């Protein structure tokens, strides 16, 4: 299962910093950067980019998956282990 982390910033992320983050595939909101994956390296990279851009980091949190996301993940795993087909 994949993790999603949210990095919450004190101020809006400047465009130059946001552009650098997007180069690595991160989603950048006004005061939030979303990092997907269970590997800690991309999260550390995002934090490093924010700090080098002098962006204040208020919080780093693991985002909770919605019930819909959990359901779809379960369906996809079931299809992988049973050889695929759709729902009956």
PDB file of N, CA and C in Angstrom:
ATOM      1  N   UNK A   1       0.843  -1.189   0.000  1.00  0.00           N
ATOM      2  CA  UNK A   1       0.000   0.000   0.000  1.00  0.00           C
ATOM      3  C   UNK A   1       0.882   1.244   0.000  1.00  0.00           C
ATOM      4  N   UNK A   2       0.495   2.203  -0.776  1.00  0.00           N
ATOM      5  CA  UNK A   2       1.252   3.438  -0.905  1.00  0.00           C
ATOM      6  C   UNK A   2       0.834   4.431   0.172  1.00  0.00           C
ATOM      7  N   UNK A   3       1.780   5.232   0.626  1.00  0.00           N
ATOM      8  CA  UNK A   3       1.496   6.276   1.604  1.00  0.00           C
ATOM      9  C   UNK A   3       1.414   7.618   0.886  1.00  0.00           C
ATOM     10  N   UNK A   4       0.703   8.528   1.517  1.00  0.00           N
ATOM     11  CA  UNK A   4       0.647   9.899   1.026  1.00  0.00           C
ATOM     12  C   UNK A   4       0.983  10.807   2.200  1.00  0.00           C
ATOM     13  N   UNK A   5       1.952  11.687   1.992  1.00  0.00           N
ATOM     14  CA  UNK A   5       2.338  12.646   3.017  1.00  0.00           C
ATOM     15  C   UNK A   5       1.993  14.046   2.547  1.00  0.00           C
ATOM     16  N   UNK A   6       1.571  14.874   3.486  1.00  0.00           N
ATOM     17  CA  UNK A   6       1.275  16.275   3.202  1.00  0.00           C
ATOM     18  C   UNK A   6       2.243  17.133   4.003  1.00  0.00           C
ATOM     19  N   UNK A   7       2.880  18.061   3.324  1.00  0.00           N
ATOM     20  CA  UNK A   7       3.762  19.029   3.979  1.00  0.00           C
ATOM     21  C   UNK A   7       3.018  20.356   3.957  1.00  0.00           C
ATOM     22  N   UNK A   8       2.671  20.853   5.146  1.00  0.00           N
ATOM     23  CA  UNK A   8       1.903  22.090   5.281  1.00  0.00           C
ATOM     24  C   UNK A   8       2.874  23.238   5.543  1.00  0.00           C
ATOM     25  N   UNK A   9       2.738  24.303   4.752  1.00  0.00           N
ATOM     26  CA  UNK A   9       3.653  25.441   4.871  1.00  0.00           C
ATOM     27  C   UNK A   9       2.960  26.638   5.514  1.00  0.00           C
ATOM     28  N   UNK A  10       3.776  27.543   6.059  1.00  0.00           N
ATOM     29  CA  UNK A  10       3.242  28.728   6.718  1.00  0.00           C
ATOM     30  C   UNK A  10       2.700  29.757   5.750  1.00  0.00           C
ATOM     31  N   UNK A  11       3.341  29.890   4.627  1.00  0.00           N
ATOM     32  CA  UNK A  11       2.932  30.853   3.604  1.00  0.00           C
ATOM     33  C   UNK A  11       2.771  30.122   2.284  1.00  0.00           C
ATOM     34  N   UNK A  12       2.238  30.820   1.303  1.00  0.00           N
ATOM     35  CA  UNK A  12       2.115  30.239  -0.032  1.00  0.00           C
ATOM     36  C   UNK A  12       3.505  29.881  -0.555  1.00  0.00           C
ATOM     37  N   UNK A  13       3.583  28.764  -1.269  1.00  0.00           N
ATOM     38  CA  UNK A  13       4.853  28.325  -1.844  1.00  0.00           C
ATOM     39  C   UNK A  13       5.169  29.219  -3.048  1.00  0.00           C
ATOM     40  N   UNK A  14       6.330  29.902  -3.041  1.00  0.00           N
ATOM     41  CA  UNK A  14       6.685  30.762  -4.180  1.00  0.00           C
ATOM     42  C   UNK A  14       6.752  29.953  -5.479  1.00  0.00           C
ATOM     43  N   UNK A  15       6.442  30.587  -6.590  1.00  0.00           N
ATOM     44  CA  UNK A  15       6.363  29.880  -7.873  1.00  0.00           C
ATOM     45  C   UNK A  15       7.673  29.193  -8.243  1.00  0.00           C
ATOM     46  N   UNK A  16       8.800  29.834  -7.984  1.00  0.00           N
ATOM     47  CA  UNK A  16      10.093  29.215  -8.319  1.00  0.00           C
ATOM     48  C   UNK A  16      10.283  27.896  -7.566  1.00  0.00           C
ATOM     49  N   UNK A  17       9.941  27.899  -6.275  1.00  0.00           N
ATOM     50  CA  UNK A  17      10.049  26.685  -5.464  1.00  0.00           C
ATOM     51  C   UNK A  17       9.018  25.659  -5.913  1.00  0.00           C
ATOM     52  N   UNK A  18       7.799  26.112  -6.183  1.00  0.00           N
ATOM     53  CA  UNK A  18       6.742  25.206  -6.648  1.00  0.00           C
ATOM     54  C   UNK A  18       7.149  24.529  -7.952  1.00  0.00           C
ATOM     55  N   UNK A  19       7.781  25.276  -8.828  1.00  0.00           N
ATOM     56  CA  UNK A  19       8.230  24.728 -10.109  1.00  0.00           C
ATOM     57  C   UNK A  19       9.267  23.625  -9.899  1.00  0.00           C
ATOM     58  N   UNK A  20      10.202  23.850  -8.990  1.00  0.00           N
ATOM     59  CA  UNK A  20      11.210  22.816  -8.675  1.00  0.00           C
ATOM     60  C   UNK A  20      10.541  21.569  -8.118  1.00  0.00           C
ATOM     61  N   UNK A  21       9.550  21.753  -7.256  1.00  0.00           N
ATOM     62  CA  UNK A  21       8.843  20.609  -6.675  1.00  0.00           C
ATOM     63  C   UNK A  21       8.092  19.823  -7.750  1.00  0.00           C
ATOM     64  N   UNK A  22       7.448  20.548  -8.664  1.00  0.00           N
ATOM     65  CA  UNK A  22       6.691  19.882  -9.735  1.00  0.00           C
ATOM     66  C   UNK A  22       7.601  19.074 -10.655  1.00  0.00           C
ATOM     67  N   UNK A  23       8.851  19.514 -10.815  1.00  0.00           N
ATOM     68  CA  UNK A  23       9.811  18.767 -11.640  1.00  0.00           C
ATOM     69  C   UNK A  23       9.993  17.342 -11.127  1.00  0.00           C
ATOM     70  N   UNK A  24       9.824  17.151  -9.824  1.00  0.00           N
ATOM     71  CA  UNK A  24       9.956  15.828  -9.220  1.00  0.00           C
ATOM     72  C   UNK A  24       8.611  15.105  -9.117  1.00  0.00           C
ATOM     73  N   UNK A  25       7.560  15.718  -9.640  1.00  0.00           N
ATOM     74  CA  UNK A  25       6.256  15.065  -9.651  1.00  0.00           C
ATOM     75  C   UNK A  25       5.411  15.281  -8.414  1.00  0.00           C
ATOM     76  N   UNK A  26       5.786  16.245  -7.584  1.00  0.00           N
ATOM     77  CA  UNK A  26       4.991  16.531  -6.394  1.00  0.00           C
ATOM     78  C   UNK A  26       3.802  17.403  -6.772  1.00  0.00           C
ATOM     79  N   UNK A  27       2.681  17.221  -6.058  1.00  0.00           N
ATOM     80  CA  UNK A  27       1.529  18.105  -6.232  1.00  0.00           C
ATOM     81  C   UNK A  27       1.727  19.288  -5.297  1.00  0.00           C
ATOM     82  N   UNK A  28       1.608  20.492  -5.824  1.00  0.00           N
ATOM     83  CA  UNK A  28       1.824  21.695  -5.019  1.00  0.00           C
ATOM     84  C   UNK A  28       0.539  22.502  -4.975  1.00  0.00           C
ATOM     85  N   UNK A  29      -0.015  22.665  -3.767  1.00  0.00           N
ATOM     86  CA  UNK A  29      -1.152  23.545  -3.549  1.00  0.00           C
ATOM     87  C   UNK A  29      -0.628  24.875  -3.034  1.00  0.00           C
ATOM     88  N   UNK A  30      -1.525  25.765  -2.641  1.00  0.00           N
ATOM     89  CA  UNK A  30      -1.086  27.084  -2.177  1.00  0.00           C
ATOM     90  C   UNK A  30      -0.176  26.984  -0.957  1.00  0.00           C
ATOM     91  N   UNK A  31      -0.597  26.181   0.028  1.00  0.00           N
ATOM     92  CA  UNK A  31       0.190  26.031   1.262  1.00  0.00           C
ATOM     93  C   UNK A  31       0.392  24.564   1.615  1.00  0.00           C
ATOM     94  N   UNK A  32       0.503  23.736   0.590  1.00  0.00           N
ATOM     95  CA  UNK A  32       0.618  22.305   0.832  1.00  0.00           C
ATOM     96  C   UNK A  32       1.359  21.635  -0.316  1.00  0.00           C
ATOM     97  N   UNK A  33       2.205  20.671   0.036  1.00  0.00           N
ATOM     98  CA  UNK A  33       2.886  19.841  -0.956  1.00  0.00           C
ATOM     99  C   UNK A  33       2.529  18.396  -0.631  1.00  0.00           C
ATOM    100  N   UNK A  34       2.107  17.647  -1.635  1.00  0.00           N
ATOM    101  CA  UNK A  34       1.720  16.254  -1.443  1.00  0.00           C
ATOM    102  C   UNK A  34       2.785  15.354  -2.049  1.00  0.00           C
ATOM    103  N   UNK A  35       3.233  14.387  -1.237  1.00  0.00           N
ATOM    104  CA  UNK A  35       4.278  13.449  -1.637  1.00  0.00           C
ATOM    105  C   UNK A  35       3.715  12.040  -1.510  1.00  0.00           C
ATOM    106  N   UNK A  36       3.762  11.274  -2.592  1.00  0.00           N
ATOM    107  CA  UNK A  36       3.241   9.907  -2.573  1.00  0.00           C
ATOM    108  C   UNK A  36       4.378   8.906  -2.493  1.00  0.00           C
ATOM    109  N   UNK A  37       4.119   7.792  -1.814  1.00  0.00           N
ATOM    110  CA  UNK A  37       5.081   6.697  -1.737  1.00  0.00           C
ATOM    111  C   UNK A  37       5.537   6.434  -0.321  1.00  0.00           C
ATOM    112  N   UNK A  38       5.936   5.200  -0.057  1.00  0.00           N
ATOM    113  CA  UNK A  38       6.372   4.829   1.287  1.00  0.00           C
ATOM    114  C   UNK A  38       7.876   5.025   1.483  1.00  0.00           C
ATOM    115  N   UNK A  39       8.618   5.288   0.404  1.00  0.00           N
ATOM    116  CA  UNK A  39      10.050   5.563   0.496  1.00  0.00           C
ATOM    117  C   UNK A  39      10.240   6.967   1.082  1.00  0.00           C
ATOM    118  N   UNK A  40      11.061   7.105   2.140  1.00  0.00           N
ATOM    119  CA  UNK A  40      11.230   8.423   2.764  1.00  0.00           C
ATOM    120  C   UNK A  40      12.048   9.416   1.931  1.00  0.00           C
ATOM    121  N   UNK A  41      12.812   8.956   0.949  1.00  0.00           N
ATOM    122  CA  UNK A  41      13.684   9.858   0.183  1.00  0.00           C
ATOM    123  C   UNK A  41      12.918  10.977  -0.525  1.00  0.00           C
ATOM    124  N   UNK A  42      11.801  10.707  -1.230  1.00  0.00           N
ATOM    125  CA  UNK A  42      11.078  11.811  -1.877  1.00  0.00           C
ATOM    126  C   UNK A  42      10.537  12.840  -0.883  1.00  0.00           C
ATOM    127  N   UNK A  43      10.101  12.385   0.286  1.00  0.00           N
ATOM    128  CA  UNK A  43       9.612  13.315   1.307  1.00  0.00           C
ATOM    129  C   UNK A  43      10.755  14.209   1.775  1.00  0.00           C
ATOM    130  N   UNK A  44      11.925  13.619   2.015  1.00  0.00           N
ATOM    131  CA  UNK A  44      13.082  14.406   2.442  1.00  0.00           C
ATOM    132  C   UNK A  44      13.482  15.407   1.363  1.00  0.00           C
ATOM    133  N   UNK A  45      13.420  14.984   0.088  1.00  0.00           N
ATOM    134  CA  UNK A  45      13.761  15.886  -1.021  1.00  0.00           C
ATOM    135  C   UNK A  45      12.810  17.076  -1.041  1.00  0.00           C
ATOM    136  N   UNK A  46      11.511  16.822  -0.876  1.00  0.00           N
ATOM    137  CA  UNK A  46      10.528  17.911  -0.880  1.00  0.00           C
ATOM    138  C   UNK A  46      10.811  18.894   0.254  1.00  0.00           C
ATOM    139  N   UNK A  47      11.117  18.370   1.431  1.00  0.00           N
ATOM    140  CA  UNK A  47      11.434  19.234   2.575  1.00  0.00           C
ATOM    141  C   UNK A  47      12.693  20.052   2.289  1.00  0.00           C
ATOM    142  N   UNK A  48      13.710  19.411   1.713  1.00  0.00           N
ATOM    143  CA  UNK A  48      14.952  20.123   1.377  1.00  0.00           C
ATOM    144  C   UNK A  48      14.693  21.257   0.388  1.00  0.00           C
ATOM    145  N   UNK A  49      13.869  20.994  -0.631  1.00  0.00           N
ATOM    146  CA  UNK A  49      13.552  22.025  -1.627  1.00  0.00           C
ATOM    147  C   UNK A  49      12.816  23.190  -0.968  1.00  0.00           C
ATOM    148  N   UNK A  50      11.854  22.880  -0.099  1.00  0.00           N
ATOM    149  CA  UNK A  50      11.115  23.939   0.598  1.00  0.00           C
ATOM    150  C   UNK A  50      12.058  24.772   1.466  1.00  0.00           C
ATOM    151  N   UNK A  51      12.928  24.103   2.213  1.00  0.00           N
ATOM    152  CA  UNK A  51      13.856  24.832   3.091  1.00  0.00           C
ATOM    153  C   UNK A  51      14.832  25.680   2.283  1.00  0.00           C
ATOM    154  N   UNK A  52      15.307  25.159   1.147  1.00  0.00           N
ATOM    155  CA  UNK A  52      16.237  25.948   0.327  1.00  0.00           C
ATOM    156  C   UNK A  52      15.536  27.163  -0.276  1.00  0.00           C
ATOM    157  N   UNK A  53      14.208  27.084  -0.423  1.00  0.00           N
ATOM    158  CA  UNK A  53      13.427  28.222  -0.896  1.00  0.00           C
ATOM    159  C   UNK A  53      12.948  29.114   0.234  1.00  0.00           C
ATOM    160  N   UNK A  54      13.447  28.842   1.448  1.00  0.00           N
ATOM    161  CA  UNK A  54      13.101  29.613   2.650  1.00  0.00           C
ATOM    162  C   UNK A  54      11.599  29.610   2.943  1.00  0.00           C
ATOM    163  N   UNK A  55      10.982  28.455   2.711  1.00  0.00           N
ATOM    164  CA  UNK A  55       9.554  28.292   3.000  1.00  0.00           C
ATOM    165  C   UNK A  55       9.431  27.647   4.380  1.00  0.00           C
ATOM    166  N   UNK A  56       8.668  28.273   5.269  1.00  0.00           N
ATOM    167  CA  UNK A  56       8.467  27.735   6.611  1.00  0.00           C
ATOM    168  C   UNK A  56       7.558  26.511   6.548  1.00  0.00           C
ATOM    169  N   UNK A  57       7.994  25.425   7.198  1.00  0.00           N
ATOM    170  CA  UNK A  57       7.209  24.192   7.252  1.00  0.00           C
ATOM    171  C   UNK A  57       6.529  24.134   8.611  1.00  0.00           C
ATOM    172  N   UNK A  58       5.205  24.077   8.600  1.00  0.00           N
ATOM    173  CA  UNK A  58       4.449  24.023   9.848  1.00  0.00           C
ATOM    174  C   UNK A  58       4.187  22.600  10.306  1.00  0.00           C
ATOM    175  N   UNK A  59       3.981  21.698   9.343  1.00  0.00           N
ATOM    176  CA  UNK A  59       3.560  20.348   9.712  1.00  0.00           C
ATOM    177  C   UNK A  59       3.861  19.381   8.570  1.00  0.00           C
ATOM    178  N   UNK A  60       4.242  18.164   8.949  1.00  0.00           N
ATOM    179  CA  UNK A  60       4.344  17.054   8.002  1.00  0.00           C
ATOM    180  C   UNK A  60       3.450  15.968   8.566  1.00  0.00           C
ATOM    181  N   UNK A  61       2.493  15.512   7.763  1.00  0.00           N
ATOM    182  CA  UNK A  61       1.559  14.515   8.278  1.00  0.00           C
ATOM    183  C   UNK A  61       1.266  13.454   7.226  1.00  0.00           C
ATOM    184  N   UNK A  62       0.985  12.273   7.729  1.00  0.00           N
ATOM    185  CA  UNK A  62       0.578  11.180   6.854  1.00  0.00           C
ATOM    186  C   UNK A  62      -0.912  11.353   6.583  1.00  0.00           C
ATOM    187  N   UNK A  63      -1.257  11.456   5.307  1.00  0.00           N
ATOM    188  CA  UNK A  63      -2.662  11.658   4.937  1.00  0.00           C
ATOM    189  C   UNK A  63      -3.414  10.339   5.077  1.00  0.00           C
ATOM    190  N   UNK A  64      -4.616  10.440   5.535  1.00  0.00           N
ATOM    191  CA  UNK A  64      -5.465   9.257   5.657  1.00  0.00           C
ATOM    192  C   UNK A  64      -6.143   8.997   4.326  1.00  0.00           C
ATOM    193  N   UNK A  65      -6.204   7.722   3.966  1.00  0.00           N
ATOM    194  CA  UNK A  65      -6.901   7.363   2.739  1.00  0.00           C
ATOM    195  C   UNK A  65      -8.402   7.371   2.991  1.00  0.00           C
ATOM    196  N   UNK A  66      -9.150   7.754   1.968  1.00  0.00           N
ATOM    197  CA  UNK A  66     -10.605   7.710   2.069  1.00  0.00           C
ATOM    198  C   UNK A  66     -11.057   6.256   1.967  1.00  0.00           C
ATOM    199  N   UNK A  67     -12.271   5.979   2.394  1.00  0.00           N
ATOM    200  CA  UNK A  67     -12.817   4.631   2.267  1.00  0.00           C
ATOM    201  C   UNK A  67     -12.852   4.203   0.804  1.00  0.00           C
ATOM    202  N   UNK A  68     -13.155   5.137  -0.085  1.00  0.00           N
ATOM    203  CA  UNK A  68     -13.179   4.816  -1.516  1.00  0.00           C
ATOM    204  C   UNK A  68     -11.788   4.394  -1.993  1.00  0.00           C
ATOM    205  N   UNK A  69     -10.753   5.111  -1.566  1.00  0.00           N
ATOM    206  CA  UNK A  69      -9.388   4.754  -1.955  1.00  0.00           C
ATOM    207  C   UNK A  69      -9.015   3.369  -1.434  1.00  0.00           C
ATOM    208  N   UNK A  70      -9.359   3.090  -0.177  1.00  0.00           N
ATOM    209  CA  UNK A  70      -9.067   1.779   0.401  1.00  0.00           C
ATOM    210  C   UNK A  70      -9.798   0.671  -0.346  1.00  0.00           C
ATOM    211  N   UNK A  71     -11.066   0.911  -0.706  1.00  0.00           N
ATOM    212  CA  UNK A  71     -11.860  -0.070  -1.441  1.00  0.00           C
ATOM    213  C   UNK A  71     -11.233  -0.349  -2.806  1.00  0.00           C
ATOM    214  N   UNK A  72     -10.884   0.710  -3.528  1.00  0.00           N
ATOM    215  CA  UNK A  72     -10.309   0.537  -4.861  1.00  0.00           C
ATOM    216  C   UNK A  72      -8.952  -0.172  -4.781  1.00  0.00           C
ATOM    217  N   UNK A  73      -8.163   0.147  -3.772  1.00  0.00           N
ATOM    218  CA  UNK A  73      -6.880  -0.524  -3.586  1.00  0.00           C
ATOM    219  C   UNK A  73      -7.096  -2.010  -3.332  1.00  0.00           C
ATOM    220  N   UNK A  74      -8.100  -2.339  -2.528  1.00  0.00           N
ATOM    221  CA  UNK A  74      -8.432  -3.728  -2.239  1.00  0.00           C
ATOM    222  C   UNK A  74      -8.855  -4.468  -3.503  1.00  0.00           C
ATOM    223  N   UNK A  75      -9.680  -3.827  -4.326  1.00  0.00           N
ATOM    224  CA  UNK A  75     -10.133  -4.432  -5.582  1.00  0.00           C
ATOM    225  C   UNK A  75      -8.941  -4.690  -6.501  1.00  0.00           C
ATOM    226  N   UNK A  76      -8.044  -3.718  -6.608  1.00  0.00           N
ATOM    227  CA  UNK A  76      -6.880  -3.869  -7.483  1.00  0.00           C
ATOM    228  C   UNK A  76      -5.979  -5.009  -7.008  1.00  0.00           C
ATOM    229  N   UNK A  77      -5.776  -5.126  -5.701  1.00  0.00           N
ATOM    230  CA  UNK A  77      -4.958  -6.211  -5.163  1.00  0.00           C
ATOM    231  C   UNK A  77      -5.617  -7.560  -5.432  1.00  0.00           C
ATOM    232  N   UNK A  78      -6.938  -7.638  -5.283  1.00  0.00           N
ATOM    233  CA  UNK A  78      -7.666  -8.879  -5.545  1.00  0.00           C
ATOM    234  C   UNK A  78      -7.523  -9.279  -7.006  1.00  0.00           C
ATOM    235  N   UNK A  79      -7.620  -8.319  -7.905  1.00  0.00           N
ATOM    236  CA  UNK A  79      -7.484  -8.615  -9.335  1.00  0.00           C
ATOM    237  C   UNK A  79      -6.077  -9.102  -9.667  1.00  0.00           C
ATOM    238  N   UNK A  80      -5.079  -8.556  -9.000  1.00  0.00           N
ATOM    239  CA  UNK A  80      -3.702  -9.002  -9.241  1.00  0.00           C
ATOM    240  C   UNK A  80      -3.523 -10.454  -8.827  1.00  0.00           C
ATOM    241  N   UNK A  81      -4.089 -10.823  -7.666  1.00  0.00           N
ATOM    242  CA  UNK A  81      -3.874 -12.168  -7.134  1.00  0.00           C
ATOM    243  C   UNK A  81      -4.777 -13.207  -7.776  1.00  0.00           C
ATOM    244  N   UNK A  82      -5.910 -12.800  -8.351  1.00  0.00           N
ATOM    245  CA  UNK A  82      -6.823 -13.768  -8.969  1.00  0.00           C
ATOM    246  C   UNK A  82      -6.684 -13.805 -10.481  1.00  0.00           C
ATOM    247  N   UNK A  83      -5.777 -13.031 -11.023  1.00  0.00           N
ATOM    248  CA  UNK A  83      -5.545 -13.085 -12.453  1.00  0.00           C
ATOM    249  C   UNK A  83      -6.372 -12.129 -13.259  1.00  0.00           C
ATOM    250  N   UNK A  84      -6.987 -11.162 -12.599  1.00  0.00           N
ATOM    251  CA  UNK A  84      -7.592 -10.110 -13.356  1.00  0.00           C
ATOM    252  C   UNK A  84      -9.039 -10.167 -13.599  1.00  0.00           C
ATOM    253  N   UNK A  85      -9.843 -10.361 -14.231  1.00  0.00           N
ATOM    254  CA  UNK A  85     -11.221 -10.174 -14.553  1.00  0.00           C
ATOM    255  C   UNK A  85     -11.900  -9.064 -13.794  1.00  0.00           C
ATOM    256  N   UNK A  86     -12.989  -8.641 -14.306  1.00  0.00           N
ATOM    257  CA  UNK A  86     -13.775  -7.589 -13.665  1.00  0.00           C
ATOM    258  C   UNK A  86     -14.668  -8.158 -12.590  1.00  0.00           C
ATOM    259  N   UNK A  87     -15.465  -7.320 -12.015  1.00  0.00           N
ATOM    260  CA  UNK A  87     -16.420  -7.750 -11.007  1.00  0.00           C
ATOM    261  C   UNK A  87     -17.578  -8.451 -11.687  1.00  0.00           C
ATOM    262  N   UNK A  88     -18.116  -9.476 -11.031  1.00  0.00           N
ATOM    263  CA  UNK A  88     -19.229 -10.238 -11.619  1.00  0.00           C
ATOM    264  C   UNK A  88     -20.528  -9.498 -11.460  1.00  0.00           C
TER     265      UNK A  88
END
